[in-house]
Each structure stands twice: as structure tokens, then as C-alpha cells.
């Protein structure tokens, strides 16, 4: 994070602190406005998910088509999902793997739903087998509506120093003996 922040401040590092603060604030305002505008475009298109979660979900749906699903308990909606094994281009062979999915609990033994709060390919395969809407388990934090609210700009513009309220706090005086000499 420090490196990305340094790249933002690349040309302004030698400026006074007030200029750095104002520059950073203006960059932040511009970034929020841009992201808010992009999120509103997604919302106007009627999309449920922003581009990254939608791309991730499409990838998982593609993998889910290759899984074999077996129902074990209709009451708890427990399924066994088997991934196919295969061979890499290097000739490395990996065996088929089995996972237990419980649709009602939004759980899978691969751990992805618990860790990322997003359906994995095993969960999607079991939900399709049961004709269950897995999109209902996607948290609202991933939706376009929440993205619009996240990036909605809530900034106040700077006012001139003459319009500031009077300062009544402690006065700090710099100790010139602690000043760092660049030589």
C-alpha cells in the first residue's frame, strides 16, 4: 500500500505539507467521482453484480458444468460434488476430488463459501441439481447497489483560510534544534 501511495505522490513529494494534503484530497475526490460514475452505469444497465464478482461467478459457473453431483440427504440438502481429475500439459496427473455441500448452510468442504462469502463451483453445481437459486446466497455487499453507495461522493470543498472558524486549541511551537539538516 505504501508503494501505491508513493506513486500517487510522485511529483509532489517536495512540496509543502499543505500542498500535499490538498493534492491528495483532490485526487481522492476525483477517484470517488470516477468510481461512482462507473457504478451508476452498471446500475443503469440493471446488472446485479459489478464486473469483478460477475466475472468470478461466471468462471465458477463454467467449472460447475464439469462436476458430478449426487444427493445424499433431501431434508438437509446435503450433496456430494465430484470434480473430474485430469492431466496438465506437463503430464502431471491429479485425481478426482470429492466435496460435501450443504445448500441450506451455504457450506462446502472446499472452504470457499465460508472464507470468501461467495459461492464456489461445487455449491453452484449442487444448487443447479436441486434447482435452487444460488444467487440468493450472495451477500448484498457484492451487489451493484452497495457499490454505488460505497463510492457515492460525500466530500465538502475546501474554503479559504479567511473563512475558517477561529482556532481555540493549544499552540505548538517547533523546536528548531530538532530540525534535520539535509547536508
Protein backbone atom coordinates (compact mmCIF):
# COMPACT_ATOMS: atom_id res chain seq x y z
CA UNK A 1 0.00 0.00 0.00
CA UNK A 2 2.86 2.36 0.75
CA UNK A 3 4.28 1.85 -2.74
CA UNK A 4 0.95 2.68 -4.40
CA UNK A 5 0.61 5.76 -2.20
CA UNK A 6 4.14 6.82 -3.14
CA UNK A 7 3.26 6.54 -6.83
CA UNK A 8 0.29 8.87 -6.27
CA UNK A 9 2.56 11.46 -4.65
CA UNK A 10 5.43 11.05 -7.11
CA UNK A 11 5.58 14.60 -8.44
CA UNK A 12 4.51 16.42 -5.30
CA UNK A 13 6.82 14.96 -2.63
CA UNK A 14 8.98 18.07 -2.43
CA UNK A 15 6.04 20.44 -1.92
CA UNK A 16 4.87 21.90 1.42
CA UNK A 17 2.58 19.76 3.57
CA UNK A 18 -0.49 21.93 2.77
CA UNK A 19 0.01 21.34 -0.96
CA UNK A 20 0.45 17.59 -0.44
CA UNK A 21 -2.76 17.41 1.63
CA UNK A 22 -4.75 19.42 -0.91
CA UNK A 23 -3.37 17.39 -3.83
CA UNK A 24 -4.19 14.09 -2.08
CA UNK A 25 -7.70 15.31 -1.23
CA UNK A 26 -8.39 16.39 -4.83
CA UNK A 27 -7.11 13.04 -6.17
CA UNK A 28 -9.38 11.23 -3.72
CA UNK A 29 -12.41 13.29 -4.76
CA UNK A 30 -11.67 12.59 -8.44
CA UNK A 31 -11.27 8.87 -7.75
CA UNK A 32 -14.57 8.65 -5.85
CA UNK A 33 -16.39 10.55 -8.62
CA UNK A 34 -14.98 8.25 -11.33
CA UNK A 35 -15.81 5.03 -9.46
CA UNK A 36 -19.28 6.33 -8.56
CA UNK A 37 -19.95 7.15 -12.21
CA UNK A 38 -18.85 3.65 -13.28
CA UNK A 39 -21.02 2.03 -10.60
CA UNK A 40 -24.07 4.07 -11.68
CA UNK A 41 -23.52 2.87 -15.27
CA UNK A 42 -23.64 -0.75 -14.04
CA UNK A 43 -26.76 0.06 -12.03
CA UNK A 44 -28.49 1.68 -15.01
CA UNK A 45 -27.79 -1.42 -17.11
CA UNK A 46 -29.70 -3.43 -14.48
CA UNK A 47 -26.73 -5.59 -13.53
CA UNK A 48 -26.86 -7.45 -10.21
CA UNK A 49 -23.10 -7.72 -9.69
CA UNK A 50 -20.17 -5.46 -10.60
CA UNK A 51 -17.63 -6.67 -13.16
CA UNK A 52 -15.16 -8.50 -10.88
CA UNK A 53 -17.70 -10.53 -8.87
CA UNK A 54 -19.67 -11.21 -12.07
CA UNK A 55 -16.52 -12.46 -13.82
CA UNK A 56 -15.70 -14.64 -10.81
CA UNK A 57 -19.24 -16.05 -10.75
CA UNK A 58 -19.11 -16.81 -14.48
CA UNK A 59 -15.82 -18.68 -14.00
CA UNK A 60 -17.33 -20.72 -11.16
CA UNK A 61 -20.43 -21.48 -13.26
CA UNK A 62 -18.17 -22.75 -16.03
CA UNK A 63 -16.33 -25.07 -13.64
CA UNK A 64 -19.65 -26.23 -12.15
CA UNK A 65 -20.70 -27.70 -15.51
CA UNK A 66 -17.86 -30.22 -15.25
CA UNK A 67 -18.82 -31.55 -11.78
CA UNK A 68 -20.83 -34.65 -11.00
CA UNK A 69 -23.48 -34.19 -8.28
CA UNK A 70 -25.02 -36.84 -6.00
CA UNK A 71 -27.77 -36.07 -3.48
CA UNK A 72 -27.25 -37.61 -0.05
CA UNK A 73 -29.95 -36.04 2.13
CA UNK A 74 -33.04 -34.27 0.79
CA UNK A 75 -34.00 -32.85 4.21
CA UNK A 76 -30.73 -31.01 4.84
CA UNK A 77 -29.93 -30.58 1.12
CA UNK A 78 -26.58 -32.34 1.51
CA UNK A 79 -24.77 -33.22 -1.70
CA UNK A 80 -21.53 -34.82 -2.77
CA UNK A 81 -19.87 -33.00 -5.64
CA UNK A 82 -17.07 -34.72 -7.55
CA UNK A 83 -14.53 -32.79 -9.56
CA UNK A 84 -13.03 -34.59 -12.51
CA UNK A 85 -9.37 -35.47 -12.38
CA UNK A 86 -7.11 -34.68 -15.26
CA UNK A 87 -3.67 -34.21 -16.70
CA UNK A 88 -1.73 -30.98 -17.09
CA UNK A 89 0.23 -30.09 -20.22
CA UNK A 90 3.36 -31.25 -18.34
CA UNK A 91 1.88 -34.71 -17.90
CA UNK A 92 1.13 -34.27 -14.19
CA UNK A 93 -1.96 -36.26 -13.19
CA UNK A 94 -4.31 -35.17 -10.43
CA UNK A 95 -7.06 -37.44 -9.10
CA UNK A 96 -10.77 -36.60 -8.86
CA UNK A 97 -11.75 -34.83 -5.64
CA UNK A 98 -14.99 -35.02 -3.67
CA UNK A 99 -16.61 -32.23 -1.68
CA UNK A 100 -19.63 -32.15 0.63
CA UNK A 101 -22.02 -29.27 0.01
CA UNK A 102 -24.93 -28.32 2.29
CA UNK A 103 -27.12 -25.86 0.44
CA UNK A 104 -29.12 -24.67 3.46
CA UNK A 105 -25.96 -23.78 5.43
CA UNK A 106 -24.15 -22.22 2.44
CA UNK A 107 -21.20 -24.50 3.14
CA UNK A 108 -18.76 -26.60 1.17
CA UNK A 109 -15.77 -28.60 2.38
CA UNK A 110 -13.52 -26.66 -0.01
CA UNK A 111 -13.96 -23.70 2.37
CA UNK A 112 -14.52 -21.03 -0.28
CA UNK A 113 -18.09 -20.04 0.76
CA UNK A 114 -17.03 -19.65 4.39
CA UNK A 115 -13.82 -17.78 3.61
CA UNK A 116 -14.91 -15.54 0.73
CA UNK A 117 -18.70 -15.43 1.36
CA UNK A 118 -19.22 -16.25 -2.31
CA UNK A 119 -20.48 -19.47 -3.93
CA UNK A 120 -17.87 -21.92 -5.21
CA UNK A 121 -18.27 -24.11 -8.27
CA UNK A 122 -19.27 -27.09 -6.08
CA UNK A 123 -22.05 -25.09 -4.43
CA UNK A 124 -23.29 -23.86 -7.82
CA UNK A 125 -23.32 -27.42 -9.22
CA UNK A 126 -25.33 -28.70 -6.22
CA UNK A 127 -27.72 -25.73 -6.42
CA UNK A 128 -28.35 -26.40 -10.12
CA UNK A 129 -29.04 -30.06 -9.33
CA UNK A 130 -31.59 -29.02 -6.70
CA UNK A 131 -32.94 -26.16 -8.88
CA UNK A 132 -32.03 -23.77 -6.08
CA UNK A 133 -31.15 -20.11 -6.67
CA UNK A 134 -27.53 -19.81 -5.53
CA UNK A 135 -27.63 -16.06 -6.26
CA UNK A 136 -29.85 -15.63 -3.20
CA UNK A 137 -26.86 -16.62 -1.05
CA UNK A 138 -24.58 -13.92 -2.47
CA UNK A 139 -24.25 -11.22 0.23
CA UNK A 140 -25.64 -7.76 -0.53
CA UNK A 141 -22.13 -6.31 -0.11
CA UNK A 142 -21.26 -7.71 -3.55
CA UNK A 143 -24.18 -6.04 -5.37
CA UNK A 144 -24.05 -3.01 -7.63
CA UNK A 145 -26.38 -1.07 -5.31
CA UNK A 146 -23.87 -1.36 -2.45
CA UNK A 147 -21.07 -0.41 -4.83
CA UNK A 148 -22.93 2.78 -5.77
CA UNK A 149 -23.41 3.63 -2.10
CA UNK A 150 -19.75 2.86 -1.33
CA UNK A 151 -18.40 5.22 -3.98
CA UNK A 152 -21.01 7.96 -3.55
CA UNK A 153 -19.02 11.17 -3.04
CA UNK A 154 -19.58 12.80 0.34
CA UNK A 155 -16.90 15.47 0.38
CA UNK A 156 -17.03 19.13 1.26
CA UNK A 157 -14.95 21.58 -0.76
CA UNK A 158 -12.07 23.46 0.83
CA UNK A 159 -12.75 27.03 1.91
CA UNK A 160 -10.20 29.84 2.13
CA UNK A 161 -8.33 30.35 5.39
CA UNK A 162 -10.25 33.57 5.97
CA UNK A 163 -13.49 31.55 6.23
CA UNK A 164 -12.18 29.06 8.78
CA UNK A 165 -13.66 29.14 12.29
CA UNK A 166 -11.32 30.59 14.93
CA UNK A 167 -8.90 28.10 16.47
CA UNK A 168 -9.02 27.88 20.25
CA UNK A 169 -6.77 24.85 20.89
CA UNK A 170 -3.17 24.57 22.09
CA UNK A 171 -0.42 26.35 20.17
CA UNK A 172 2.53 24.24 19.06
CA UNK A 173 5.94 25.81 18.50
CA UNK A 174 8.56 23.85 16.57
CA UNK A 175 11.88 23.19 18.30
CA UNK A 176 14.47 24.38 15.77
CA UNK A 177 17.23 22.35 17.47
CA UNK A 178 15.46 19.14 16.34
CA UNK A 179 15.40 20.22 12.71
CA UNK A 180 17.06 17.77 10.33
CA UNK A 181 19.88 19.20 8.26
CA UNK A 182 19.86 17.71 4.75
CA UNK A 183 23.65 18.10 4.29
